Protein backbone atom coordinates (compact mmCIF):
# COMPACT_ATOMS: atom_id res chain seq x y z
CA MET A 1 49.57 -43.42 -16.60
CA ILE A 2 51.95 -46.35 -16.22
CA GLY A 3 54.89 -44.11 -17.10
CA THR A 4 53.80 -41.46 -14.61
CA GLU A 5 53.35 -44.01 -11.84
CA PHE A 6 56.75 -45.54 -12.59
CA GLN A 7 58.37 -42.10 -12.44
CA ASN A 8 56.65 -41.36 -9.12
CA MET A 9 57.83 -44.70 -7.74
CA VAL A 10 61.44 -43.96 -8.75
CA MET A 11 61.28 -40.50 -7.17
CA LYS A 12 59.88 -41.91 -3.95
CA GLU A 13 62.64 -44.52 -3.86
CA LEU A 14 65.32 -41.88 -4.40
CA LYS A 15 63.87 -39.71 -1.62
CA LEU A 16 63.73 -42.73 0.68
CA LYS A 17 67.38 -43.57 -0.02
CA GLU A 18 68.36 -39.94 0.60
CA GLN A 19 66.47 -39.93 3.89
CA ILE A 20 68.10 -43.21 4.99
CA SER A 21 71.55 -41.81 4.08
CA LYS A 22 70.92 -38.66 6.11
CA GLU A 23 69.68 -40.67 9.07
CA GLU A 24 72.74 -42.91 8.86
CA LEU A 25 75.05 -39.89 8.85
CA LEU A 26 73.20 -38.35 11.79
CA ARG A 27 73.43 -41.62 13.69
CA LYS A 28 77.17 -41.88 13.10
CA ASP A 29 77.62 -38.22 13.98
CA SER A 30 75.71 -38.66 17.23
CA GLN A 31 77.83 -41.72 18.07
CA LEU A 32 80.99 -39.69 17.46
CA GLN A 33 79.73 -36.82 19.60
CA LEU A 34 78.89 -39.27 22.37
CA LEU A 35 82.38 -40.74 22.19
CA GLN A 36 83.97 -37.30 22.21
CA SER A 37 81.88 -36.21 25.19
CA GLN A 38 83.02 -39.28 27.09
CA ILE A 39 86.63 -38.28 26.56
CA ASN A 40 86.48 -34.87 28.16
CA PRO A 41 89.76 -33.07 27.46
CA HIS A 42 89.54 -30.88 30.55
CA PHE A 43 88.98 -33.89 32.77
CA LEU A 44 91.96 -35.59 31.15
CA TYR A 45 94.24 -32.57 31.57
CA ASN A 46 93.19 -32.07 35.18
CA THR A 47 93.76 -35.75 35.99
CA LEU A 48 97.21 -35.71 34.42
CA ASP A 49 98.01 -32.49 36.26
CA THR A 50 96.98 -34.15 39.54
CA LEU A 51 99.16 -37.18 38.76
CA TYR A 52 102.06 -34.85 37.97
CA TRP A 53 101.92 -33.08 41.34
CA MET A 54 101.35 -36.31 43.24
CA ALA A 55 104.42 -37.81 41.58
CA LEU A 56 106.50 -34.75 42.54
CA GLU A 57 105.32 -34.96 46.15
CA GLU A 58 106.32 -38.64 46.25
CA GLY A 59 109.72 -37.84 44.77
CA ALA A 60 108.95 -39.83 41.60
CA GLU A 61 110.46 -37.27 39.25
CA GLN A 62 110.61 -39.56 36.25
CA VAL A 63 106.91 -40.40 36.60
CA ALA A 64 106.14 -36.67 36.87
CA ASP A 65 108.26 -36.00 33.81
CA LEU A 66 106.45 -38.65 31.74
CA THR A 67 103.05 -37.47 32.96
CA GLN A 68 103.83 -33.93 31.85
CA ALA A 69 105.01 -35.14 28.44
CA LEU A 70 101.84 -37.21 28.01
CA SER A 71 99.72 -34.22 28.97
CA GLU A 72 101.38 -32.09 26.29
CA ILE A 73 100.82 -34.84 23.71
CA PHE A 74 97.10 -34.94 24.46
CA LYS A 75 96.81 -31.17 24.32
CA ILE A 76 98.28 -31.04 20.83
CA SER A 77 96.45 -34.17 19.66
CA LEU A 78 93.05 -32.82 20.66
CA SER A 79 93.84 -29.11 20.17
CA GLU A 80 90.16 -28.24 20.59
CA GLY A 81 89.28 -29.90 17.28
CA VAL A 82 91.62 -27.70 15.24
CA GLU A 83 93.18 -29.61 12.35
CA PHE A 84 96.05 -27.22 11.60
CA ILE A 85 98.90 -26.47 13.99
CA SER A 86 102.23 -24.69 13.69
CA VAL A 87 105.33 -26.62 12.71
CA GLY A 88 106.68 -25.65 16.12
CA ASP A 89 103.79 -27.42 17.87
CA GLU A 90 104.18 -30.45 15.62
CA ILE A 91 107.85 -30.67 16.58
CA ARG A 92 107.07 -30.26 20.29
CA PHE A 93 104.59 -33.11 19.93
CA ILE A 94 107.32 -35.28 18.39
CA GLU A 95 109.80 -34.31 21.13
CA ASP A 96 107.37 -35.36 23.89
CA TYR A 97 106.51 -38.57 22.03
CA LEU A 98 110.18 -39.46 21.59
CA HIS A 99 110.93 -38.64 25.22
CA ILE A 100 108.29 -41.13 26.41
CA GLN A 101 109.50 -43.79 23.98
CA ASN A 102 113.11 -43.29 24.98
CA VAL A 103 112.24 -43.85 28.64
CA ARG A 104 110.34 -46.98 27.67
CA PHE A 105 113.28 -48.32 25.65
CA GLU A 106 115.85 -47.26 28.27
CA ASN A 107 117.54 -44.60 26.12
CA LYS A 108 118.10 -46.96 23.23
CA PHE A 109 118.22 -44.17 20.65
CA LEU A 110 119.62 -40.68 20.28
CA VAL A 111 117.41 -37.94 18.87
CA LYS A 112 118.49 -35.10 16.58
CA ILE A 113 115.94 -32.48 15.56
CA LEU A 114 117.20 -30.02 12.97
CA VAL A 115 114.29 -27.85 11.87
CA ASP A 116 114.86 -24.38 10.42
CA GLU A 117 113.57 -21.62 12.67
CA GLU A 118 112.01 -19.82 9.70
CA ILE A 119 109.37 -22.53 9.19
CA MET A 120 108.35 -22.91 12.85
CA ASP A 121 105.38 -20.52 12.50
CA MET A 122 104.05 -22.11 9.31
CA HIS A 123 100.83 -24.10 9.81
CA ILE A 124 100.36 -27.66 8.58
CA ILE A 125 97.83 -30.42 9.19
CA LYS A 126 98.68 -31.98 12.52
CA GLN A 127 100.29 -35.33 13.31
CA ILE A 128 101.83 -36.02 9.91
CA LEU A 129 105.30 -36.86 11.25
CA GLN A 130 104.51 -39.13 14.20
CA PRO A 131 103.66 -42.28 12.15
CA PHE A 132 107.08 -42.17 10.49
CA VAL A 133 108.85 -41.62 13.80
CA GLU A 134 106.93 -44.57 15.25
CA ASN A 135 107.94 -46.76 12.29
CA ALA A 136 111.57 -45.72 12.77
CA ILE A 137 111.42 -46.88 16.39
CA TYR A 138 109.53 -50.14 16.02
CA HIS A 139 110.77 -51.33 12.63
CA GLY A 140 114.19 -49.73 12.52
CA LEU A 141 115.73 -49.26 15.95
CA GLU A 142 113.98 -51.73 18.25
CA PRO A 143 115.34 -54.78 16.35
CA LYS A 144 118.81 -53.22 16.13
CA ILE A 145 121.58 -54.47 18.42
CA GLY A 146 122.89 -51.54 20.42
CA LYS A 147 121.87 -47.90 20.29
CA GLY A 148 120.58 -46.06 17.27
CA CYS A 149 119.75 -42.56 16.13
CA ILE A 150 116.68 -40.77 14.77
CA THR A 151 117.22 -37.52 12.90
CA ILE A 152 114.32 -35.24 12.01
CA THR A 153 114.85 -32.28 9.71
CA GLY A 154 112.58 -29.59 8.32
CA LYS A 155 113.32 -26.88 5.77
CA THR A 156 112.10 -25.12 2.66
CA GLN A 157 113.75 -26.11 -0.59
CA GLU A 158 112.78 -24.27 -3.75
CA ASP A 159 108.95 -24.30 -3.67
CA HIS A 160 108.52 -27.11 -1.17
CA LEU A 161 108.39 -27.63 2.56
CA ILE A 162 110.38 -30.81 3.21
CA PHE A 163 110.54 -32.93 6.35
CA THR A 164 112.73 -36.00 6.71
CA VAL A 165 112.70 -38.73 9.33
CA GLU A 166 115.88 -40.78 9.19
CA ASP A 167 117.03 -43.73 11.29
CA ASP A 168 120.15 -45.89 11.25
CA GLY A 169 118.28 -49.06 12.14
CA VAL A 170 117.97 -52.44 10.44
CA GLY A 171 116.26 -51.10 7.33
CA LEU A 172 113.24 -52.52 5.55
CA PRO A 173 113.15 -56.00 4.02
CA ASP A 174 113.00 -56.14 0.23
CA GLY A 175 109.48 -56.08 -1.17
CA VAL A 176 107.87 -54.36 1.79
CA ASP A 177 105.30 -51.76 0.70
CA VAL A 178 105.36 -49.20 3.48
CA MET A 179 102.45 -47.29 1.94
CA GLN A 180 100.13 -50.20 2.75
CA GLY A 181 100.35 -49.42 6.45
CA TYR A 182 97.21 -47.74 7.81
CA ALA A 183 98.92 -44.78 9.51
CA VAL A 184 101.20 -44.04 6.54
CA SER A 185 98.43 -44.33 3.95
CA ASN A 186 96.27 -42.08 6.15
CA VAL A 187 98.94 -39.36 6.14
CA TYR A 188 99.35 -39.75 2.38
CA GLN A 189 95.62 -39.37 1.76
CA ARG A 190 95.41 -36.34 4.05
CA ILE A 191 98.29 -34.45 2.44
CA ARG A 192 96.95 -35.22 -1.05
CA LEU A 193 93.49 -34.05 -0.02
CA HIS A 194 94.74 -30.75 1.41
CA TYR A 195 97.80 -29.98 -0.70
CA GLY A 196 97.14 -31.66 -4.05
CA GLU A 197 99.18 -33.93 -6.28
CA LYS A 198 102.46 -32.14 -5.61
CA ALA A 199 102.40 -33.42 -2.04
CA ASP A 200 104.28 -36.68 -1.74
CA ILE A 201 105.97 -39.22 0.54
CA GLN A 202 109.23 -40.86 -0.51
CA PHE A 203 111.04 -43.78 1.12
CA GLU A 204 114.65 -44.90 0.87
CA SER A 205 115.85 -47.94 2.80
CA CYS A 206 118.90 -50.15 2.85
CA PRO A 207 119.16 -53.36 4.92
CA SER A 208 121.40 -52.92 7.98
CA GLU A 209 121.87 -49.21 7.23
CA GLY A 210 118.52 -47.60 7.94
CA THR A 211 115.54 -45.85 6.42
CA THR A 212 114.82 -42.30 5.33
CA VAL A 213 111.32 -40.92 4.83
CA LYS A 214 110.83 -37.64 3.02
CA LEU A 215 107.55 -35.74 3.35
CA ILE A 216 107.13 -33.13 0.61
CA LEU A 217 104.51 -30.34 0.77
CA PRO A 218 104.16 -27.52 -1.79
CA VAL A 219 104.72 -24.26 0.08
CA GLU A 220 102.14 -22.33 -1.94
CA GLU A 221 99.41 -24.87 -1.15
CA VAL A 222 100.42 -24.94 2.53
CA LYS A 223 99.85 -21.19 2.66
CA ASN A 224 96.65 -21.29 0.57
CA VAL A 225 95.01 -24.02 2.63
CA LYS A 226 95.74 -22.20 5.89
CA ASP A 227 94.38 -18.93 4.44
CA ARG A 228 91.14 -20.67 3.37
CA VAL A 229 90.71 -22.16 6.82
CA ASP A 230 91.31 -18.79 8.52
CA ARG A 231 88.61 -17.19 6.34
């Protein structure tokens, strides 16, 4: 009898913990849905579109230009909840982001984007390049005296899809672990989750010469993951 009662007590406790866990997940999910509903994409797009036309009417072409770039960034960022976008859309996102940053920093850096046309229609998880471009600006080029350059490349090499983000800025100090940064570690975790252990991020940096980041994705897994999502 004691054994039976003890077993029943354990089962009740496990069910209670399971119920609490489900309720906690539902609560967090409802909070997320509330937050998402407050940020209505259509309202945002329409507001930015209004600002764009108002800026044109006032002759503020640069403001209109930036508003349009920001609108495109939000469209790709939200993308109706879709996690995978084409390489072409990812690059357009980076172009708009760099355009806004270049206006902010008064054309402090040149931009070179050299991505093979053959990979533009391939689909990857979105926003995996922007954190490295942002690091190049803030940690590489902003502290540099004079103008700098950011070069972004994309190509297939053997069985891998390889992107590089290279800057000729001040480089990284010795001993700095770039992977400890939240945005970079987030990208690393996401590519490992979707593309497996063959996916990787590599850094090369030299003080006063710049930094190169290489993002490596196995082509076969890129195709497989997209096929699974489509099904």
